[in-house]
Amino acid sequence: MSALLHPKPVSVADYLEGERLSEVKREFFDGDVHATVGASNRRNQVATNATVALGIRLRGTNCRPFNSDTKVRIEMIDQTRFYYPDAMVVCDRNRGDDQWQDRPVLVVEVLSDSTRRVDLGEKRQAYLTIPTLKALLLVESDVLAATLYRRGPSGGFLREDYAGDGAVVPLPELGIELPLAEVFEGLDA
């Protein structure tokens, strides 16, 4: 009879040290480490366009966009997670030498066939536990459409859907609006 081997959980410190040396981005889920999947040029362009559009609109404010090379740390009651969102906006930033941000106001994930299940499942649930998060924007990569989860007055999140060339995602939490046409600029919708 053979026994299944269960890998020993990785500590947060070991994960962060490994990330400094790794040539591949890896996400951390309560002791388990998983490499992130590569993305298509289209998905990367949507994420880059979103980051640039946010950055232009946030000039002159204390809020800054971060791209997918900066991870977010999520401290939950019983576990810690680190994810690499496609973009995020942070108004109360961590120290410059940290490898992550703790207090995003907006998180953006670009959905694709290879990421949809995790993005809409475990990541969405984890992001919505971040106390500073005001909005989670899930952008489709193949059609001009997005779903926004906005924190409501009771603290829960309300779903809003946007689609089409003329759709504009209002982000009053940041004092800006995000036209979907700019997020998809240069791409065939």
N, C-alpha and C. Protein backbone atom coordinates (compact mmCIF):
# COMPACT_ATOMS: atom_id res chain seq x y z
N MET A 1 0.85 -1.17 0.00
CA MET A 1 0.00 0.00 0.00
C MET A 1 0.90 1.23 0.00
N SER A 2 0.57 2.20 -0.83
CA SER A 2 1.37 3.42 -0.85
C SER A 2 0.57 4.55 -0.23
N ALA A 3 1.28 5.42 0.42
CA ALA A 3 0.64 6.58 1.05
C ALA A 3 0.82 7.80 0.16
N LEU A 4 -0.20 8.64 0.12
CA LEU A 4 -0.10 9.90 -0.62
C LEU A 4 0.77 10.87 0.18
N LEU A 5 1.66 11.52 -0.50
CA LEU A 5 2.50 12.50 0.16
C LEU A 5 1.82 13.86 0.10
N HIS A 6 1.77 14.52 1.22
CA HIS A 6 1.22 15.87 1.27
C HIS A 6 2.37 16.82 1.52
N PRO A 7 2.60 17.74 0.58
CA PRO A 7 3.71 18.66 0.79
C PRO A 7 3.50 19.51 2.03
N LYS A 8 4.59 19.80 2.69
CA LYS A 8 4.55 20.63 3.89
C LYS A 8 4.17 22.06 3.49
N PRO A 9 3.26 22.68 4.24
CA PRO A 9 2.90 24.06 3.91
C PRO A 9 4.12 24.98 3.95
N VAL A 10 4.12 25.95 3.06
CA VAL A 10 5.20 26.93 2.97
C VAL A 10 4.84 28.10 3.88
N SER A 11 5.81 28.60 4.63
CA SER A 11 5.55 29.76 5.49
C SER A 11 5.51 31.03 4.63
N VAL A 12 4.89 32.06 5.16
CA VAL A 12 4.84 33.35 4.46
C VAL A 12 6.25 33.86 4.21
N ALA A 13 7.13 33.74 5.20
CA ALA A 13 8.51 34.21 5.05
C ALA A 13 9.23 33.46 3.94
N ASP A 14 9.06 32.14 3.89
CA ASP A 14 9.71 31.35 2.83
C ASP A 14 9.14 31.68 1.46
N TYR A 15 7.83 31.89 1.40
CA TYR A 15 7.20 32.28 0.13
C TYR A 15 7.78 33.60 -0.36
N LEU A 16 7.83 34.60 0.51
CA LEU A 16 8.33 35.92 0.10
C LEU A 16 9.79 35.86 -0.31
N GLU A 17 10.61 35.08 0.39
CA GLU A 17 12.01 34.92 0.01
C GLU A 17 12.11 34.23 -1.35
N GLY A 18 11.28 33.22 -1.56
CA GLY A 18 11.28 32.52 -2.84
C GLY A 18 10.84 33.42 -3.98
N GLU A 19 9.93 34.34 -3.72
CA GLU A 19 9.48 35.28 -4.74
C GLU A 19 10.60 36.21 -5.18
N ARG A 20 11.48 36.56 -4.25
CA ARG A 20 12.61 37.44 -4.61
C ARG A 20 13.52 36.76 -5.64
N LEU A 21 13.60 35.44 -5.59
CA LEU A 21 14.52 34.69 -6.44
C LEU A 21 13.84 34.05 -7.64
N SER A 22 12.53 33.95 -7.61
CA SER A 22 11.80 33.22 -8.64
C SER A 22 11.73 33.99 -9.96
N GLU A 23 11.84 33.26 -11.05
CA GLU A 23 11.67 33.86 -12.37
C GLU A 23 10.21 33.79 -12.80
N VAL A 24 9.38 33.12 -12.02
CA VAL A 24 7.96 32.95 -12.29
C VAL A 24 7.17 33.55 -11.14
N LYS A 25 6.09 34.27 -11.45
CA LYS A 25 5.22 34.79 -10.40
C LYS A 25 4.42 33.63 -9.82
N ARG A 26 4.36 33.61 -8.49
CA ARG A 26 3.63 32.56 -7.80
C ARG A 26 2.70 33.19 -6.77
N GLU A 27 1.50 32.63 -6.66
CA GLU A 27 0.55 33.14 -5.68
C GLU A 27 0.53 32.19 -4.48
N PHE A 28 0.12 32.74 -3.33
CA PHE A 28 0.19 32.02 -2.05
C PHE A 28 -1.20 31.93 -1.46
N PHE A 29 -1.61 30.72 -1.12
CA PHE A 29 -2.93 30.47 -0.56
C PHE A 29 -2.77 29.60 0.67
N ASP A 30 -2.65 30.20 1.83
CA ASP A 30 -2.59 29.48 3.10
C ASP A 30 -1.57 28.34 3.11
N GLY A 31 -0.34 28.63 2.71
CA GLY A 31 0.73 27.63 2.75
C GLY A 31 0.98 26.93 1.45
N ASP A 32 0.06 27.04 0.50
CA ASP A 32 0.24 26.44 -0.83
C ASP A 32 0.70 27.52 -1.80
N VAL A 33 1.64 27.17 -2.65
CA VAL A 33 2.19 28.11 -3.63
C VAL A 33 1.90 27.57 -5.03
N HIS A 34 1.37 28.46 -5.88
CA HIS A 34 1.02 28.06 -7.25
C HIS A 34 1.56 29.09 -8.22
N ALA A 35 2.20 28.62 -9.29
CA ALA A 35 2.68 29.53 -10.34
C ALA A 35 1.47 30.10 -11.08
N THR A 36 1.57 31.36 -11.48
CA THR A 36 0.49 31.96 -12.25
C THR A 36 0.61 31.52 -13.70
N VAL A 37 -0.50 31.47 -14.39
CA VAL A 37 -0.48 31.05 -15.78
C VAL A 37 -0.09 32.22 -16.68
N GLY A 38 0.51 31.90 -17.80
CA GLY A 38 0.83 32.94 -18.77
C GLY A 38 -0.46 33.47 -19.39
N ALA A 39 -0.40 34.67 -19.91
CA ALA A 39 -1.59 35.30 -20.46
C ALA A 39 -1.40 35.61 -21.93
N SER A 40 -2.51 35.70 -22.64
CA SER A 40 -2.46 36.05 -24.06
C SER A 40 -2.09 37.52 -24.22
N ASN A 41 -1.64 37.87 -25.40
CA ASN A 41 -1.33 39.27 -25.67
C ASN A 41 -2.57 40.13 -25.48
N ARG A 42 -3.72 39.65 -25.89
CA ARG A 42 -4.96 40.42 -25.75
C ARG A 42 -5.26 40.70 -24.28
N ARG A 43 -5.19 39.67 -23.46
CA ARG A 43 -5.47 39.84 -22.02
C ARG A 43 -4.47 40.82 -21.40
N ASN A 44 -3.20 40.69 -21.77
CA ASN A 44 -2.19 41.62 -21.24
C ASN A 44 -2.45 43.05 -21.70
N GLN A 45 -2.90 43.22 -22.94
CA GLN A 45 -3.19 44.57 -23.44
C GLN A 45 -4.36 45.20 -22.70
N VAL A 46 -5.40 44.41 -22.43
CA VAL A 46 -6.55 44.91 -21.67
C VAL A 46 -6.08 45.35 -20.27
N ALA A 47 -5.26 44.54 -19.62
CA ALA A 47 -4.76 44.88 -18.28
C ALA A 47 -3.88 46.12 -18.33
N THR A 48 -3.01 46.23 -19.33
CA THR A 48 -2.14 47.40 -19.46
C THR A 48 -2.98 48.65 -19.73
N ASN A 49 -3.94 48.55 -20.63
CA ASN A 49 -4.80 49.69 -20.93
C ASN A 49 -5.54 50.17 -19.68
N ALA A 50 -6.03 49.23 -18.88
CA ALA A 50 -6.74 49.60 -17.65
C ALA A 50 -5.81 50.33 -16.69
N THR A 51 -4.59 49.81 -16.54
CA THR A 51 -3.62 50.45 -15.64
C THR A 51 -3.28 51.85 -16.11
N VAL A 52 -3.04 52.02 -17.40
CA VAL A 52 -2.70 53.33 -17.96
C VAL A 52 -3.87 54.30 -17.80
N ALA A 53 -5.08 53.86 -18.15
CA ALA A 53 -6.26 54.73 -18.05
C ALA A 53 -6.48 55.17 -16.61
N LEU A 54 -6.30 54.26 -15.66
CA LEU A 54 -6.43 54.62 -14.25
C LEU A 54 -5.35 55.62 -13.85
N GLY A 55 -4.11 55.36 -14.27
CA GLY A 55 -2.99 56.25 -13.91
C GLY A 55 -3.19 57.67 -14.41
N ILE A 56 -3.66 57.80 -15.65
CA ILE A 56 -3.90 59.14 -16.20
C ILE A 56 -4.94 59.88 -15.37
N ARG A 57 -6.00 59.20 -15.01
CA ARG A 57 -7.08 59.84 -14.26
C ARG A 57 -6.72 60.13 -12.81
N LEU A 58 -5.76 59.42 -12.28
CA LEU A 58 -5.40 59.60 -10.86
C LEU A 58 -4.25 60.59 -10.64
N ARG A 59 -3.73 61.18 -11.74
CA ARG A 59 -2.67 62.18 -11.57
C ARG A 59 -3.14 63.29 -10.66
N GLY A 60 -2.24 63.74 -9.80
CA GLY A 60 -2.56 64.83 -8.89
C GLY A 60 -3.28 64.39 -7.64
N THR A 61 -3.50 63.07 -7.48
CA THR A 61 -4.13 62.56 -6.26
C THR A 61 -3.09 61.75 -5.49
N ASN A 62 -3.45 61.31 -4.31
CA ASN A 62 -2.52 60.46 -3.55
C ASN A 62 -2.71 58.98 -3.90
N CYS A 63 -3.60 58.66 -4.83
CA CYS A 63 -3.86 57.28 -5.23
C CYS A 63 -3.00 56.93 -6.44
N ARG A 64 -2.50 55.69 -6.48
CA ARG A 64 -1.63 55.24 -7.56
C ARG A 64 -2.05 53.87 -8.05
N PRO A 65 -1.97 53.66 -9.38
CA PRO A 65 -2.24 52.31 -9.90
C PRO A 65 -0.97 51.46 -9.81
N PHE A 66 -1.18 50.17 -9.67
CA PHE A 66 -0.10 49.19 -9.72
C PHE A 66 -0.48 48.16 -10.76
N ASN A 67 0.53 47.64 -11.48
CA ASN A 67 0.26 46.62 -12.49
C ASN A 67 0.38 45.23 -11.88
N SER A 68 0.37 44.23 -12.73
CA SER A 68 0.34 42.84 -12.27
C SER A 68 1.66 42.34 -11.71
N ASP A 69 2.66 43.19 -11.63
CA ASP A 69 3.91 42.79 -10.98
C ASP A 69 3.90 43.06 -9.48
N THR A 70 2.87 43.70 -8.98
CA THR A 70 2.75 43.95 -7.54
C THR A 70 1.64 43.08 -6.99
N LYS A 71 1.95 42.33 -5.97
CA LYS A 71 0.95 41.46 -5.37
C LYS A 71 0.19 42.19 -4.27
N VAL A 72 -0.97 41.67 -3.95
CA VAL A 72 -1.76 42.17 -2.84
C VAL A 72 -1.73 41.10 -1.74
N ARG A 73 -1.53 41.56 -0.51
CA ARG A 73 -1.57 40.64 0.64
C ARG A 73 -2.94 40.76 1.28
N ILE A 74 -3.56 39.62 1.50
CA ILE A 74 -4.88 39.58 2.12
C ILE A 74 -4.75 38.82 3.43
N GLU A 75 -4.93 39.53 4.52
CA GLU A 75 -4.86 38.93 5.86
C GLU A 75 -6.27 38.56 6.28
N MET A 76 -6.56 37.27 6.26
CA MET A 76 -7.87 36.79 6.67
C MET A 76 -7.77 36.29 8.11
N ILE A 77 -8.88 35.99 8.72
CA ILE A 77 -8.89 35.56 10.12
C ILE A 77 -7.97 34.37 10.35
N ASP A 78 -8.04 33.38 9.45
CA ASP A 78 -7.30 32.14 9.68
C ASP A 78 -6.20 31.86 8.67
N GLN A 79 -5.92 32.82 7.77
CA GLN A 79 -4.90 32.56 6.75
C GLN A 79 -4.46 33.86 6.08
N THR A 80 -3.33 33.75 5.39
CA THR A 80 -2.81 34.85 4.60
C THR A 80 -2.77 34.40 3.14
N ARG A 81 -3.12 35.31 2.25
CA ARG A 81 -3.05 35.02 0.82
C ARG A 81 -2.29 36.15 0.12
N PHE A 82 -1.60 35.80 -0.95
CA PHE A 82 -0.96 36.77 -1.83
C PHE A 82 -1.40 36.46 -3.25
N TYR A 83 -1.95 37.47 -3.92
CA TYR A 83 -2.35 37.34 -5.32
C TYR A 83 -1.72 38.45 -6.13
N TYR A 84 -1.59 38.22 -7.43
CA TYR A 84 -1.13 39.23 -8.38
C TYR A 84 -2.33 39.69 -9.20
N PRO A 85 -3.06 40.71 -8.76
CA PRO A 85 -4.17 41.18 -9.60
C PRO A 85 -3.63 41.82 -10.86
N ASP A 86 -4.45 41.90 -11.89
CA ASP A 86 -4.00 42.51 -13.14
C ASP A 86 -3.73 44.00 -12.97
N ALA A 87 -4.45 44.64 -12.07
CA ALA A 87 -4.21 46.04 -11.73
C ALA A 87 -4.87 46.30 -10.39
N MET A 88 -4.40 47.32 -9.71
CA MET A 88 -5.07 47.77 -8.48
C MET A 88 -4.72 49.23 -8.25
N VAL A 89 -5.57 49.88 -7.49
CA VAL A 89 -5.33 51.27 -7.10
C VAL A 89 -5.22 51.29 -5.59
N VAL A 90 -4.16 51.96 -5.11
CA VAL A 90 -3.90 52.07 -3.69
C VAL A 90 -3.73 53.54 -3.34
N CYS A 91 -4.42 53.99 -2.31
CA CYS A 91 -4.32 55.38 -1.87
C CYS A 91 -3.47 55.51 -0.60
N ASP A 92 -3.33 54.44 0.15
CA ASP A 92 -2.50 54.40 1.35
C ASP A 92 -1.48 53.28 1.11
N ARG A 93 -0.34 53.66 0.50
CA ARG A 93 0.63 52.67 0.01
C ARG A 93 1.55 52.14 1.12
N ASN A 94 2.00 50.90 0.89
CA ASN A 94 3.04 50.30 1.74
C ASN A 94 4.38 50.97 1.46
N ARG A 95 5.36 50.62 2.27
CA ARG A 95 6.72 51.13 2.06
C ARG A 95 7.21 50.73 0.68
N GLY A 96 8.11 51.51 0.14
CA GLY A 96 8.63 51.26 -1.20
C GLY A 96 9.38 49.96 -1.35
N ASP A 97 9.98 49.44 -0.27
CA ASP A 97 10.75 48.20 -0.39
C ASP A 97 9.91 46.95 -0.11
N ASP A 98 8.62 47.12 0.22
CA ASP A 98 7.73 45.95 0.35
C ASP A 98 7.51 45.32 -1.01
N GLN A 99 7.16 44.05 -1.01
CA GLN A 99 6.87 43.32 -2.25
C GLN A 99 5.38 43.28 -2.54
N TRP A 100 4.56 43.94 -1.76
CA TRP A 100 3.11 43.83 -1.87
C TRP A 100 2.45 45.12 -1.39
N GLN A 101 1.15 45.18 -1.63
CA GLN A 101 0.31 46.23 -1.10
C GLN A 101 -0.77 45.58 -0.23
N ASP A 102 -1.14 46.26 0.85
CA ASP A 102 -2.14 45.73 1.79
C ASP A 102 -3.50 46.40 1.67
N ARG A 103 -3.55 47.63 1.16
CA ARG A 103 -4.77 48.42 1.28
C ARG A 103 -5.29 48.94 -0.07
N PRO A 104 -5.58 48.04 -1.01
CA PRO A 104 -6.12 48.53 -2.28
C PRO A 104 -7.54 49.07 -2.10
N VAL A 105 -7.87 50.07 -2.90
CA VAL A 105 -9.22 50.62 -2.94
C VAL A 105 -9.98 49.98 -4.09
N LEU A 106 -9.25 49.70 -5.18
CA LEU A 106 -9.81 49.07 -6.37
C LEU A 106 -8.89 47.93 -6.79
N VAL A 107 -9.46 46.78 -7.11
CA VAL A 107 -8.72 45.67 -7.70
C VAL A 107 -9.37 45.37 -9.05
N VAL A 108 -8.51 45.13 -10.06
CA VAL A 108 -8.98 44.79 -11.40
C VAL A 108 -8.42 43.42 -11.78
N GLU A 109 -9.31 42.54 -12.21
CA GLU A 109 -8.90 41.26 -12.77
C GLU A 109 -9.48 41.17 -14.17
N VAL A 110 -8.65 40.73 -15.12
CA VAL A 110 -9.08 40.51 -16.50
C VAL A 110 -9.35 39.02 -16.65
N LEU A 111 -10.58 38.70 -17.01
CA LEU A 111 -11.01 37.31 -17.09
C LEU A 111 -10.63 36.67 -18.42
N SER A 112 -10.24 35.42 -18.36
CA SER A 112 -9.99 34.63 -19.57
C SER A 112 -10.40 33.20 -19.26
N ASP A 113 -10.40 32.36 -20.27
CA ASP A 113 -10.79 30.97 -20.06
C ASP A 113 -9.93 30.30 -18.99
N SER A 114 -8.64 30.62 -18.97
CA SER A 114 -7.72 29.94 -18.04
C SER A 114 -7.79 30.51 -16.62
N THR A 115 -8.33 31.71 -16.43
CA THR A 115 -8.35 32.32 -15.09
C THR A 115 -9.75 32.48 -14.51
N ARG A 116 -10.77 32.35 -15.33
CA ARG A 116 -12.14 32.67 -14.93
C ARG A 116 -12.58 31.97 -13.64
N ARG A 117 -12.38 30.67 -13.55
CA ARG A 117 -12.86 29.93 -12.38
C ARG A 117 -12.24 30.44 -11.09
N VAL A 118 -10.93 30.65 -11.08
CA VAL A 118 -10.25 31.12 -9.88
C VAL A 118 -10.58 32.59 -9.60
N ASP A 119 -10.60 33.41 -10.67
CA ASP A 119 -10.90 34.83 -10.48
C ASP A 119 -12.30 35.06 -9.92
N LEU A 120 -13.28 34.31 -10.42
CA LEU A 120 -14.66 34.48 -9.97
C LEU A 120 -14.95 33.73 -8.67
N GLY A 121 -14.09 32.81 -8.32
CA GLY A 121 -14.28 32.01 -7.11
C GLY A 121 -13.43 32.50 -5.96
N GLU A 122 -12.32 31.80 -5.73
CA GLU A 122 -11.51 32.07 -4.54
C GLU A 122 -10.97 33.49 -4.48
N LYS A 123 -10.53 34.03 -5.61
CA LYS A 123 -9.96 35.39 -5.58
C LYS A 123 -11.03 36.43 -5.26
N ARG A 124 -12.17 36.34 -5.93
CA ARG A 124 -13.25 37.31 -5.68
C ARG A 124 -13.65 37.27 -4.21
N GLN A 125 -13.83 36.08 -3.68
CA GLN A 125 -14.22 35.96 -2.27
C GLN A 125 -13.16 36.57 -1.35
N ALA A 126 -11.89 36.33 -1.65
CA ALA A 126 -10.81 36.88 -0.81
C ALA A 126 -10.72 38.39 -0.94
N TYR A 127 -10.78 38.91 -2.19
CA TYR A 127 -10.70 40.36 -2.38
C TYR A 127 -11.80 41.09 -1.61
N LEU A 128 -12.99 40.53 -1.60
CA LEU A 128 -14.11 41.20 -0.95
C LEU A 128 -13.98 41.24 0.57
N THR A 129 -12.97 40.57 1.13
CA THR A 129 -12.72 40.64 2.58
C THR A 129 -11.76 41.77 2.94
N ILE A 130 -11.14 42.41 1.95
CA ILE A 130 -10.17 43.48 2.23
C ILE A 130 -10.92 44.70 2.76
N PRO A 131 -10.63 45.15 3.96
CA PRO A 131 -11.39 46.25 4.57
C PRO A 131 -11.36 47.56 3.77
N THR A 132 -10.26 47.85 3.08
CA THR A 132 -10.15 49.11 2.34
C THR A 132 -10.76 49.04 0.95
N LEU A 133 -11.09 47.84 0.47
CA LEU A 133 -11.58 47.68 -0.90
C LEU A 133 -12.94 48.34 -1.05
N LYS A 134 -13.03 49.23 -2.04
CA LYS A 134 -14.30 49.90 -2.36
C LYS A 134 -14.94 49.27 -3.59
N ALA A 135 -14.09 48.71 -4.50
CA ALA A 135 -14.63 48.16 -5.74
C ALA A 135 -13.70 47.09 -6.30
N LEU A 136 -14.33 46.06 -6.87
CA LEU A 136 -13.64 44.99 -7.57
C LEU A 136 -14.17 45.00 -8.99
N LEU A 137 -13.29 45.21 -9.97
CA LEU A 137 -13.69 45.28 -11.37
C LEU A 137 -13.19 44.04 -12.10
N LEU A 138 -14.12 43.27 -12.65
CA LEU A 138 -13.80 42.06 -13.40
C LEU A 138 -14.08 42.36 -14.87
N VAL A 139 -13.02 42.42 -15.67
CA VAL A 139 -13.13 42.81 -17.07
C VAL A 139 -13.01 41.58 -17.95
N GLU A 140 -13.94 41.43 -18.87
CA GLU A 140 -13.85 40.35 -19.85
C GLU A 140 -12.68 40.67 -20.79
N SER A 141 -12.02 39.66 -21.31
CA SER A 141 -10.92 39.92 -22.24
C SER A 141 -11.34 39.81 -23.69
N ASP A 142 -12.45 39.11 -23.96
CA ASP A 142 -12.85 38.87 -25.34
C ASP A 142 -14.01 39.73 -25.83
N VAL A 143 -14.75 40.35 -24.91
CA VAL A 143 -15.85 41.24 -25.28
C VAL A 143 -15.79 42.49 -24.43
N LEU A 144 -16.32 43.56 -24.95
CA LEU A 144 -16.31 44.84 -24.25
C LEU A 144 -17.35 44.80 -23.12
N ALA A 145 -16.97 44.22 -22.00
CA ALA A 145 -17.89 44.07 -20.88
C ALA A 145 -17.11 43.95 -19.58
N ALA A 146 -17.74 44.40 -18.50
CA ALA A 146 -17.12 44.32 -17.19
C ALA A 146 -18.21 44.22 -16.12
N THR A 147 -17.86 43.59 -15.02
CA THR A 147 -18.72 43.52 -13.85
C THR A 147 -17.99 44.20 -12.70
N LEU A 148 -18.70 45.08 -12.02
CA LEU A 148 -18.12 45.79 -10.88
C LEU A 148 -18.86 45.37 -9.62
N TYR A 149 -18.10 45.02 -8.59
CA TYR A 149 -18.66 44.79 -7.26
C TYR A 149 -18.27 46.01 -6.43
N ARG A 150 -19.28 46.81 -6.04
CA ARG A 150 -19.04 48.05 -5.31
C ARG A 150 -19.56 47.89 -3.87
N ARG A 151 -18.74 48.34 -2.92
CA ARG A 151 -19.15 48.27 -1.51
C ARG A 151 -20.33 49.22 -1.29
N GLY A 152 -21.39 48.67 -0.76
CA GLY A 152 -22.59 49.46 -0.49
C GLY A 152 -22.57 50.06 0.90
N PRO A 153 -23.59 50.84 1.23
CA PRO A 153 -23.65 51.51 2.54
C PRO A 153 -23.66 50.55 3.72
N SER A 154 -24.18 49.34 3.51
CA SER A 154 -24.24 48.37 4.61
C SER A 154 -22.94 47.59 4.77
N GLY A 155 -21.97 47.83 3.85
CA GLY A 155 -20.70 47.12 3.91
C GLY A 155 -20.61 45.96 2.94
N GLY A 156 -21.76 45.45 2.49
CA GLY A 156 -21.77 44.38 1.50
C GLY A 156 -21.48 44.94 0.11
N PHE A 157 -21.31 44.05 -0.85
CA PHE A 157 -20.98 44.48 -2.20
C PHE A 157 -22.17 44.30 -3.13
N LEU A 158 -22.40 45.29 -3.98
CA LEU A 158 -23.48 45.28 -4.95
C LEU A 158 -22.88 45.09 -6.34
N ARG A 159 -23.54 44.30 -7.16
CA ARG A 159 -23.05 44.01 -8.50
C ARG A 159 -23.61 45.01 -9.51
N GLU A 160 -22.73 45.48 -10.41
CA GLU A 160 -23.11 46.36 -11.50
C GLU A 160 -22.47 45.81 -12.77
N ASP A 161 -23.22 45.78 -13.87
CA ASP A 161 -22.70 45.27 -15.14
C ASP A 161 -22.62 46.39 -16.17
N TYR A 162 -21.54 46.40 -16.95
CA TYR A 162 -21.31 47.41 -17.98
C TYR A 162 -20.90 46.69 -19.26
N ALA A 163 -21.42 47.17 -20.41
CA ALA A 163 -21.07 46.53 -21.67
C ALA A 163 -21.22 47.53 -22.82
N GLY A 164 -20.41 47.32 -23.83
CA GLY A 164 -20.51 48.10 -25.05
C GLY A 164 -19.50 49.23 -25.12
N ASP A 165 -19.35 49.73 -26.34
CA ASP A 165 -18.36 50.76 -26.65
C ASP A 165 -18.57 52.05 -25.87
N GLY A 166 -19.81 52.39 -25.56
CA GLY A 166 -20.09 53.64 -24.85
C GLY A 166 -20.17 53.49 -23.35
N ALA A 167 -19.94 52.29 -22.83
CA ALA A 167 -20.06 52.06 -21.39
C ALA A 167 -18.94 52.75 -20.62
N VAL A 168 -19.32 53.38 -19.52
CA VAL A 168 -18.37 54.06 -18.65
C VAL A 168 -18.61 53.55 -17.23
N VAL A 169 -17.54 53.09 -16.60
CA VAL A 169 -17.64 52.57 -15.23
C VAL A 169 -17.39 53.74 -14.28
N PRO A 170 -18.41 54.17 -13.54
CA PRO A 170 -18.20 55.26 -12.58
C PRO A 170 -17.46 54.74 -11.35
N LEU A 171 -16.44 55.47 -10.95
CA LEU A 171 -15.69 55.13 -9.74
C LEU A 171 -15.63 56.35 -8.84
N PRO A 172 -16.78 56.74 -8.25
CA PRO A 172 -16.80 57.94 -7.41
C PRO A 172 -15.91 57.80 -6.17
N GLU A 173 -15.62 56.55 -5.79
CA GLU A 173 -14.72 56.32 -4.65
C GLU A 173 -13.34 56.91 -4.91
N LEU A 174 -12.99 57.01 -6.19
CA LEU A 174 -11.70 57.56 -6.60
C LEU A 174 -11.86 58.92 -7.29
N GLY A 175 -13.09 59.35 -7.48
CA GLY A 175 -13.35 60.61 -8.15
C GLY A 175 -13.11 60.56 -9.65
N ILE A 176 -13.27 59.37 -10.25
CA ILE A 176 -12.99 59.20 -11.69
C ILE A 176 -14.05 58.32 -12.33
N GLU A 177 -14.00 58.27 -13.65
CA GLU A 177 -14.77 57.34 -14.45
C GLU A 177 -13.81 56.60 -15.37
N LEU A 178 -14.14 55.36 -15.72
CA LEU A 178 -13.29 54.54 -16.57
C LEU A 178 -14.08 54.07 -17.79
N PRO A 179 -13.84 54.69 -18.96
CA PRO A 179 -14.53 54.25 -20.18
C PRO A 179 -14.00 52.89 -20.64
N LEU A 180 -14.91 51.95 -20.88
CA LEU A 180 -14.48 50.63 -21.36
C LEU A 180 -13.78 50.73 -22.70
N ALA A 181 -14.16 51.70 -23.53
CA ALA A 181 -13.51 51.85 -24.83
C ALA A 181 -12.00 52.07 -24.67
N GLU A 182 -11.59 52.76 -23.61
CA GLU A 182 -10.15 52.97 -23.37
C GLU A 182 -9.48 51.69 -22.89
N VAL A 183 -10.20 50.90 -22.14
CA VAL A 183 -9.65 49.63 -21.65
C VAL A 183 -9.40 48.68 -22.82
N PHE A 184 -10.22 48.81 -23.88
CA PHE A 184 -10.10 47.94 -25.05
C PHE A 184 -9.47 48.67 -26.24
N GLU A 185 -8.89 49.82 -26.01
CA GLU A 185 -8.29 50.59 -27.11
C GLU A 185 -7.24 49.77 -27.86
N GLY A 186 -7.32 49.82 -29.18
CA GLY A 186 -6.35 49.11 -30.01
C GLY A 186 -6.66 47.64 -30.21
N LEU A 187 -7.78 47.18 -29.68
CA LEU A 187 -8.16 45.78 -29.80
C LEU A 187 -9.47 45.67 -30.55
N ASP A 188 -9.62 44.61 -31.32
CA ASP A 188 -10.91 44.36 -31.96
C ASP A 188 -11.84 43.78 -30.92
N ALA A 189 -12.98 44.44 -30.70
CA ALA A 189 -13.93 43.99 -29.67
C ALA A 189 -14.76 42.81 -30.15
